[in-house]
Amino acid sequence: MKTKADFRNHVKAQKRNYSLSEKKQRSIPIFKSLEKLEAFKNAQCVLFYWSMTDEVHTHEIVTKWYQEKTILLPSVHGADLKLKQFTGLENMEPGEGFGIGEPSGKYYTDYSNIDMIVVPGVAFDKQSNRLGRGRGYYDKLLQSQSAIKLGVCFDFQLFNTIPVDKHDIKMDLLISETWTSRHA
C-alpha cells in the first residue's frame, strides 16, 4: 500500500470483518486506556465524536462523562465542523452530514476552553500521523487548536507508516486496543 486510497480501501475491507457488536467490544479497552490518562482526568472540556457504525464506538463514553465534563460533539455545517454541547440522548438529532447524530441546540464557540480532542481516523501510524476520510473536516478544525489531540483506532487501523501531506495534522497521543504512544 502506497497511496492514501490504498490505505482507505484496505481498512474499509478490514472493517467488514467485524460486526457492530464486535467493534463495540473492541472499543472498550481503548476508552479504558483513555480514562487512565492524567490529561483526560484533568480535562474539563473534551471534544469527542458521535461514532458511525464503522468507527471506534464512542456513544457509551460520551454518555458516561457528559454530566461531569463539558462534552462537545462535531456538527457538519457545509464544508466545516462546528461544535455543540452534548446534553443527553434525548437532545440528539440526525445531522446534515452523513446522518451522524449531533446535539440539538446552539453552537459552542469558546474553543479556547477545549482541553482534549478525541479524533477518529481511517488509519494512523506509529509516528502519530492520521489519515482521515479525505474531506479535511478534522484537519481544518485541528489546525487552530492547542488542545491535546488524541487519535483513537482499532489495532487493524494502526500501521508503521502512512502517507501524509503537509496539511495533515499530527496527533499528540494515539490509542488503539493494545498500543498507546505519545508523539515525541
Foldseek 3Di string as FASTA:
>chain_A
DAALVVLLVVLVVVLVVDFLVRLQVQLVLQVVVVVPDPLNVPAQEEEEECDDSSWNHCPVVLVVCVVRHFYWYWADDPLETFIDTDDDPVQWFQGPPPRGIHGDDDTDDPLQSHAEYEDEASAAEPLQFGHHPPSCHVLVVPVPHPHQYEYEGEPVRYYNDHDDDPSTDGGQWYTYSPDIDGND
